[in-house]
N, C-alpha and C. Protein backbone atom coordinates (compact mmCIF):
# COMPACT_ATOMS: atom_id res chain seq x y z
N UNK A 1 -15.42 -4.84 -11.41
CA UNK A 1 -15.87 -4.54 -12.75
C UNK A 1 -16.88 -3.38 -12.70
N UNK A 2 -17.79 -3.42 -11.74
CA UNK A 2 -18.80 -2.37 -11.62
C UNK A 2 -18.13 -1.03 -11.33
N UNK A 3 -17.09 -1.03 -10.49
CA UNK A 3 -16.41 0.22 -10.16
C UNK A 3 -15.76 0.83 -11.39
N UNK A 4 -15.15 0.00 -12.20
CA UNK A 4 -14.53 0.49 -13.43
C UNK A 4 -15.61 1.04 -14.36
N UNK A 5 -16.71 0.33 -14.45
CA UNK A 5 -17.82 0.79 -15.29
C UNK A 5 -18.31 2.15 -14.82
N UNK A 6 -18.51 2.32 -13.51
CA UNK A 6 -18.97 3.59 -12.96
C UNK A 6 -17.99 4.71 -13.26
N UNK A 7 -16.71 4.40 -13.18
CA UNK A 7 -15.69 5.40 -13.49
C UNK A 7 -15.77 5.84 -14.95
N UNK A 8 -15.95 4.89 -15.85
CA UNK A 8 -16.07 5.22 -17.27
C UNK A 8 -17.32 6.05 -17.55
N UNK A 9 -18.43 5.69 -16.93
CA UNK A 9 -19.66 6.45 -17.11
C UNK A 9 -19.48 7.87 -16.57
N UNK A 10 -18.80 8.00 -15.45
CA UNK A 10 -18.54 9.33 -14.89
C UNK A 10 -17.74 10.18 -15.86
N UNK A 11 -16.71 9.60 -16.48
CA UNK A 11 -15.91 10.35 -17.45
C UNK A 11 -16.77 10.77 -18.63
N UNK A 12 -17.64 9.89 -19.08
CA UNK A 12 -18.53 10.23 -20.19
C UNK A 12 -19.51 11.31 -19.79
N UNK A 13 -19.96 11.27 -18.57
CA UNK A 13 -20.87 12.30 -18.07
C UNK A 13 -20.23 13.67 -18.23
N UNK A 14 -18.97 13.75 -17.89
CA UNK A 14 -18.26 15.02 -18.02
C UNK A 14 -18.13 15.44 -19.48
N UNK A 15 -17.94 14.49 -20.35
CA UNK A 15 -17.79 14.80 -21.77
C UNK A 15 -19.09 15.24 -22.43
N UNK A 16 -20.21 14.63 -22.03
CA UNK A 16 -21.46 14.86 -22.72
C UNK A 16 -22.42 15.80 -21.98
N UNK A 17 -21.94 16.48 -20.99
CA UNK A 17 -22.81 17.40 -20.28
C UNK A 17 -22.23 18.80 -20.33
N UNK A 18 -23.07 19.75 -20.02
CA UNK A 18 -22.63 21.13 -19.99
C UNK A 18 -22.38 21.57 -18.55
N UNK A 19 -21.79 20.65 -17.79
CA UNK A 19 -21.61 20.91 -16.37
C UNK A 19 -20.58 22.01 -16.13
N UNK A 20 -20.82 22.74 -15.06
CA UNK A 20 -19.85 23.69 -14.57
C UNK A 20 -19.83 23.56 -13.06
N UNK A 21 -19.33 24.53 -12.39
CA UNK A 21 -19.19 24.42 -10.94
C UNK A 21 -20.37 25.02 -10.19
N UNK A 22 -21.52 25.16 -10.82
CA UNK A 22 -22.71 25.68 -10.15
C UNK A 22 -23.19 24.67 -9.12
N UNK A 23 -23.99 25.14 -8.16
CA UNK A 23 -24.47 24.23 -7.11
C UNK A 23 -25.23 23.02 -7.62
N UNK A 24 -25.92 23.16 -8.74
CA UNK A 24 -26.70 22.02 -9.23
C UNK A 24 -25.90 21.12 -10.18
N UNK A 25 -24.59 21.31 -10.22
CA UNK A 25 -23.75 20.50 -11.12
C UNK A 25 -23.82 19.02 -10.77
N UNK A 26 -23.84 18.70 -9.49
CA UNK A 26 -23.91 17.30 -9.07
C UNK A 26 -25.23 16.67 -9.52
N UNK A 27 -26.30 17.41 -9.40
CA UNK A 27 -27.61 16.90 -9.82
C UNK A 27 -27.61 16.67 -11.33
N UNK A 28 -27.06 17.61 -12.09
CA UNK A 28 -26.98 17.45 -13.54
C UNK A 28 -26.11 16.25 -13.91
N UNK A 29 -25.01 16.11 -13.21
CA UNK A 29 -24.11 14.98 -13.45
C UNK A 29 -24.86 13.66 -13.25
N UNK A 30 -25.60 13.57 -12.15
CA UNK A 30 -26.36 12.36 -11.87
C UNK A 30 -27.43 12.10 -12.92
N UNK A 31 -28.08 13.16 -13.39
CA UNK A 31 -29.11 13.00 -14.42
C UNK A 31 -28.51 12.48 -15.72
N UNK A 32 -27.38 13.06 -16.12
CA UNK A 32 -26.74 12.63 -17.35
C UNK A 32 -26.25 11.19 -17.21
N UNK A 33 -25.64 10.88 -16.08
CA UNK A 33 -25.16 9.51 -15.83
C UNK A 33 -26.31 8.52 -15.92
N UNK A 34 -27.44 8.88 -15.31
CA UNK A 34 -28.62 8.00 -15.33
C UNK A 34 -29.12 7.82 -16.76
N UNK A 35 -29.19 8.90 -17.52
CA UNK A 35 -29.67 8.81 -18.92
C UNK A 35 -28.73 7.95 -19.76
N UNK A 36 -27.43 8.12 -19.57
CA UNK A 36 -26.47 7.31 -20.33
C UNK A 36 -26.64 5.84 -19.98
N UNK A 37 -26.72 5.54 -18.70
CA UNK A 37 -26.89 4.14 -18.28
C UNK A 37 -28.19 3.55 -18.81
N UNK A 38 -29.28 4.32 -18.75
CA UNK A 38 -30.56 3.83 -19.27
C UNK A 38 -30.48 3.54 -20.75
N UNK A 39 -29.88 4.45 -21.48
CA UNK A 39 -29.76 4.29 -22.94
C UNK A 39 -28.94 3.04 -23.27
N UNK A 40 -27.84 2.88 -22.58
CA UNK A 40 -26.99 1.71 -22.83
C UNK A 40 -27.68 0.42 -22.43
N UNK A 41 -28.39 0.44 -21.32
CA UNK A 41 -29.09 -0.74 -20.83
C UNK A 41 -30.24 -1.13 -21.76
N UNK A 42 -31.06 -0.16 -22.13
CA UNK A 42 -32.24 -0.44 -22.97
C UNK A 42 -31.85 -0.99 -24.33
N UNK A 43 -30.75 -0.53 -24.87
CA UNK A 43 -30.35 -0.95 -26.20
C UNK A 43 -29.57 -2.26 -26.22
N UNK A 44 -29.13 -2.70 -25.03
CA UNK A 44 -28.29 -3.89 -24.97
C UNK A 44 -26.82 -3.57 -25.16
N UNK A 45 -26.51 -2.32 -25.40
CA UNK A 45 -25.13 -1.90 -25.63
C UNK A 45 -24.29 -2.07 -24.36
N UNK A 46 -24.88 -1.87 -23.21
CA UNK A 46 -24.15 -1.99 -21.96
C UNK A 46 -23.59 -3.40 -21.80
N UNK A 47 -24.39 -4.39 -22.10
CA UNK A 47 -23.94 -5.78 -21.99
C UNK A 47 -22.82 -6.07 -22.99
N UNK A 48 -22.96 -5.54 -24.20
CA UNK A 48 -21.91 -5.74 -25.21
C UNK A 48 -20.61 -5.10 -24.75
N UNK A 49 -20.70 -3.90 -24.18
CA UNK A 49 -19.50 -3.20 -23.70
C UNK A 49 -18.88 -3.91 -22.50
N UNK A 50 -19.71 -4.44 -21.64
CA UNK A 50 -19.18 -5.19 -20.49
C UNK A 50 -18.44 -6.44 -20.97
N UNK A 51 -18.97 -7.08 -21.98
CA UNK A 51 -18.31 -8.26 -22.52
C UNK A 51 -16.99 -7.88 -23.19
N UNK A 52 -16.97 -6.75 -23.89
CA UNK A 52 -15.74 -6.25 -24.49
C UNK A 52 -14.70 -5.97 -23.39
N UNK A 53 -15.14 -5.35 -22.31
CA UNK A 53 -14.25 -5.07 -21.19
C UNK A 53 -13.69 -6.35 -20.59
N UNK A 54 -14.56 -7.32 -20.34
CA UNK A 54 -14.10 -8.61 -19.80
C UNK A 54 -13.04 -9.23 -20.71
N UNK A 55 -13.33 -9.21 -21.99
CA UNK A 55 -12.43 -9.81 -22.97
C UNK A 55 -11.07 -9.11 -22.97
N UNK A 56 -11.07 -7.80 -23.01
CA UNK A 56 -9.82 -7.03 -23.04
C UNK A 56 -9.01 -7.24 -21.75
N UNK A 57 -9.70 -7.28 -20.62
CA UNK A 57 -9.00 -7.48 -19.35
C UNK A 57 -8.40 -8.88 -19.28
N UNK A 58 -9.09 -9.84 -19.85
CA UNK A 58 -8.56 -11.21 -19.91
C UNK A 58 -7.34 -11.25 -20.82
N UNK A 59 -7.45 -10.63 -22.00
CA UNK A 59 -6.36 -10.65 -22.98
C UNK A 59 -5.07 -10.03 -22.45
N UNK A 60 -5.20 -8.97 -21.68
CA UNK A 60 -4.00 -8.26 -21.21
C UNK A 60 -3.43 -8.85 -19.92
N UNK A 61 -4.08 -9.87 -19.37
CA UNK A 61 -3.58 -10.51 -18.18
C UNK A 61 -4.00 -9.85 -16.87
N UNK A 62 -4.88 -8.87 -16.96
CA UNK A 62 -5.33 -8.14 -15.77
C UNK A 62 -5.99 -9.07 -14.76
N UNK A 63 -6.85 -9.93 -15.23
CA UNK A 63 -7.55 -10.86 -14.32
C UNK A 63 -6.56 -11.79 -13.61
N UNK A 64 -5.58 -12.28 -14.36
CA UNK A 64 -4.58 -13.17 -13.75
C UNK A 64 -3.77 -12.44 -12.69
N UNK A 65 -3.42 -11.19 -12.98
CA UNK A 65 -2.67 -10.39 -12.00
C UNK A 65 -3.50 -10.18 -10.73
N UNK A 66 -4.77 -9.92 -10.92
CA UNK A 66 -5.66 -9.69 -9.78
C UNK A 66 -5.85 -10.97 -8.96
N UNK A 67 -6.00 -12.09 -9.64
CA UNK A 67 -6.12 -13.37 -8.93
C UNK A 67 -4.87 -13.64 -8.11
N UNK A 68 -3.72 -13.37 -8.71
CA UNK A 68 -2.45 -13.59 -8.01
C UNK A 68 -2.39 -12.70 -6.77
N UNK A 69 -2.78 -11.46 -6.91
CA UNK A 69 -2.77 -10.53 -5.78
C UNK A 69 -3.71 -11.02 -4.67
N UNK A 70 -4.88 -11.50 -5.05
CA UNK A 70 -5.83 -12.04 -4.06
C UNK A 70 -5.24 -13.22 -3.33
N UNK A 71 -4.63 -14.13 -4.06
CA UNK A 71 -4.01 -15.30 -3.43
C UNK A 71 -2.91 -14.88 -2.45
N UNK A 72 -2.12 -13.87 -2.84
CA UNK A 72 -1.07 -13.39 -1.96
C UNK A 72 -1.64 -12.80 -0.67
N UNK A 73 -2.71 -12.02 -0.80
CA UNK A 73 -3.34 -11.43 0.38
C UNK A 73 -3.90 -12.52 1.30
N UNK A 74 -4.56 -13.49 0.72
CA UNK A 74 -5.14 -14.58 1.51
C UNK A 74 -4.04 -15.40 2.17
N UNK A 75 -2.99 -15.66 1.44
CA UNK A 75 -1.87 -16.42 1.99
C UNK A 75 -1.20 -15.66 3.13
N UNK A 76 -1.04 -14.38 2.95
CA UNK A 76 -0.39 -13.54 3.96
C UNK A 76 -1.23 -13.44 5.23
N UNK A 77 -2.52 -13.25 5.07
CA UNK A 77 -3.41 -13.06 6.22
C UNK A 77 -3.96 -14.36 6.79
N UNK A 78 -4.09 -15.35 5.94
CA UNK A 78 -4.71 -16.61 6.37
C UNK A 78 -6.17 -16.62 5.93
N UNK A 79 -6.60 -17.73 5.43
CA UNK A 79 -7.95 -17.87 4.90
C UNK A 79 -9.03 -17.52 5.92
N UNK A 80 -8.82 -17.87 7.16
CA UNK A 80 -9.83 -17.63 8.19
C UNK A 80 -9.78 -16.21 8.75
N UNK A 81 -8.79 -15.44 8.33
CA UNK A 81 -8.61 -14.09 8.88
C UNK A 81 -8.94 -12.97 7.90
N UNK A 82 -9.56 -13.31 6.79
CA UNK A 82 -9.92 -12.28 5.81
C UNK A 82 -11.29 -12.60 5.24
N UNK A 83 -12.14 -11.59 5.20
CA UNK A 83 -13.48 -11.78 4.64
C UNK A 83 -13.49 -11.36 3.17
N UNK A 84 -14.52 -11.75 2.49
CA UNK A 84 -14.67 -11.36 1.09
C UNK A 84 -14.74 -9.83 0.97
N UNK A 85 -15.47 -9.20 1.89
CA UNK A 85 -15.58 -7.74 1.86
C UNK A 85 -14.23 -7.06 2.06
N UNK A 86 -13.46 -7.56 3.02
CA UNK A 86 -12.14 -6.99 3.27
C UNK A 86 -11.24 -7.19 2.06
N UNK A 87 -11.29 -8.35 1.47
CA UNK A 87 -10.50 -8.64 0.28
C UNK A 87 -10.87 -7.69 -0.85
N UNK A 88 -12.16 -7.51 -1.06
CA UNK A 88 -12.63 -6.60 -2.10
C UNK A 88 -12.15 -5.17 -1.85
N UNK A 89 -12.21 -4.73 -0.59
CA UNK A 89 -11.76 -3.37 -0.26
C UNK A 89 -10.27 -3.20 -0.52
N UNK A 90 -9.52 -4.23 -0.25
CA UNK A 90 -8.07 -4.12 -0.42
C UNK A 90 -7.63 -4.23 -1.87
N UNK A 91 -8.32 -5.00 -2.67
CA UNK A 91 -7.87 -5.16 -4.06
C UNK A 91 -8.43 -4.10 -4.99
N UNK A 92 -9.52 -3.44 -4.60
CA UNK A 92 -10.15 -2.46 -5.48
C UNK A 92 -9.19 -1.36 -5.95
N UNK A 93 -8.44 -0.71 -5.07
CA UNK A 93 -7.52 0.33 -5.56
C UNK A 93 -6.49 -0.21 -6.56
N UNK A 94 -5.94 -1.37 -6.27
CA UNK A 94 -4.96 -1.97 -7.19
C UNK A 94 -5.64 -2.35 -8.51
N UNK A 95 -6.85 -2.89 -8.40
CA UNK A 95 -7.58 -3.30 -9.61
C UNK A 95 -7.84 -2.10 -10.52
N UNK A 96 -8.32 -1.02 -9.94
CA UNK A 96 -8.59 0.19 -10.73
C UNK A 96 -7.31 0.75 -11.35
N UNK A 97 -6.28 0.83 -10.55
CA UNK A 97 -5.03 1.43 -11.02
C UNK A 97 -4.33 0.59 -12.08
N UNK A 98 -4.59 -0.69 -12.09
CA UNK A 98 -3.86 -1.56 -13.02
C UNK A 98 -4.58 -1.82 -14.34
N UNK A 99 -5.76 -1.26 -14.53
CA UNK A 99 -6.43 -1.41 -15.82
C UNK A 99 -5.64 -0.61 -16.85
N UNK A 100 -5.18 -1.24 -17.91
CA UNK A 100 -4.37 -0.53 -18.90
C UNK A 100 -5.13 0.64 -19.52
N UNK A 101 -4.41 1.73 -19.71
CA UNK A 101 -5.00 2.92 -20.31
C UNK A 101 -5.60 2.61 -21.68
N UNK A 102 -4.96 1.74 -22.42
CA UNK A 102 -5.47 1.38 -23.75
C UNK A 102 -6.86 0.78 -23.66
N UNK A 103 -7.10 -0.04 -22.66
CA UNK A 103 -8.42 -0.66 -22.46
C UNK A 103 -9.45 0.41 -22.12
N UNK A 104 -9.09 1.31 -21.21
CA UNK A 104 -10.00 2.40 -20.83
C UNK A 104 -10.33 3.27 -22.03
N UNK A 105 -9.31 3.62 -22.80
CA UNK A 105 -9.53 4.48 -23.96
C UNK A 105 -10.41 3.81 -25.00
N UNK A 106 -10.18 2.52 -25.23
CA UNK A 106 -10.99 1.79 -26.21
C UNK A 106 -12.46 1.77 -25.78
N UNK A 107 -12.69 1.49 -24.52
CA UNK A 107 -14.07 1.43 -24.03
C UNK A 107 -14.73 2.80 -24.08
N UNK A 108 -14.02 3.82 -23.67
CA UNK A 108 -14.57 5.18 -23.75
C UNK A 108 -14.89 5.57 -25.19
N UNK A 109 -14.01 5.19 -26.11
CA UNK A 109 -14.25 5.49 -27.52
C UNK A 109 -15.50 4.77 -28.03
N UNK A 110 -15.66 3.52 -27.64
CA UNK A 110 -16.85 2.75 -28.04
C UNK A 110 -18.12 3.42 -27.52
N UNK A 111 -18.08 3.85 -26.26
CA UNK A 111 -19.26 4.49 -25.66
C UNK A 111 -19.53 5.83 -26.34
N UNK A 112 -18.47 6.59 -26.57
CA UNK A 112 -18.61 7.88 -27.26
C UNK A 112 -19.26 7.70 -28.64
N UNK A 113 -18.75 6.75 -29.39
CA UNK A 113 -19.28 6.50 -30.74
C UNK A 113 -20.76 6.10 -30.67
N UNK A 114 -21.10 5.26 -29.71
CA UNK A 114 -22.48 4.85 -29.57
C UNK A 114 -23.37 6.06 -29.26
N UNK A 115 -22.92 6.90 -28.32
CA UNK A 115 -23.73 8.05 -27.93
C UNK A 115 -23.82 9.11 -29.03
N UNK A 116 -22.81 9.18 -29.88
CA UNK A 116 -22.88 10.10 -31.02
C UNK A 116 -23.92 9.63 -32.03
N UNK A 117 -24.02 8.33 -32.19
CA UNK A 117 -25.01 7.75 -33.11
C UNK A 117 -26.40 7.69 -32.50
N UNK A 118 -26.46 7.65 -31.18
CA UNK A 118 -27.71 7.51 -30.45
C UNK A 118 -27.75 8.54 -29.31
N UNK A 119 -27.98 9.80 -29.63
CA UNK A 119 -27.92 10.85 -28.61
C UNK A 119 -28.90 10.63 -27.47
N UNK A 120 -28.52 11.12 -26.29
CA UNK A 120 -29.39 10.99 -25.12
C UNK A 120 -30.36 12.15 -25.05
């Protein structure tokens, strides 16, 4: 969930900054990302958006698909032969790739609308 959140914030950083390919672009990107996260956190909007994300992922069956994939990996490798960290590393790419575009777009739109009403 955190990885998806970071990805969405990164996309918003690109939208709301005047970044270019100058050497300090990474620093600017980090500053904008930090300001967006602070604004969302301080207002409570971040928690609301996280709950919206959880809800949408549940509704579309994403969580069930991910649970099934985890069970398959554990079954294939054996419970004693896979750690939580290894499991997380293996499912993360599939988890990111399988989030429906509609969910990503909805969340990005919500964040955009919030930032338009509450500039950083």
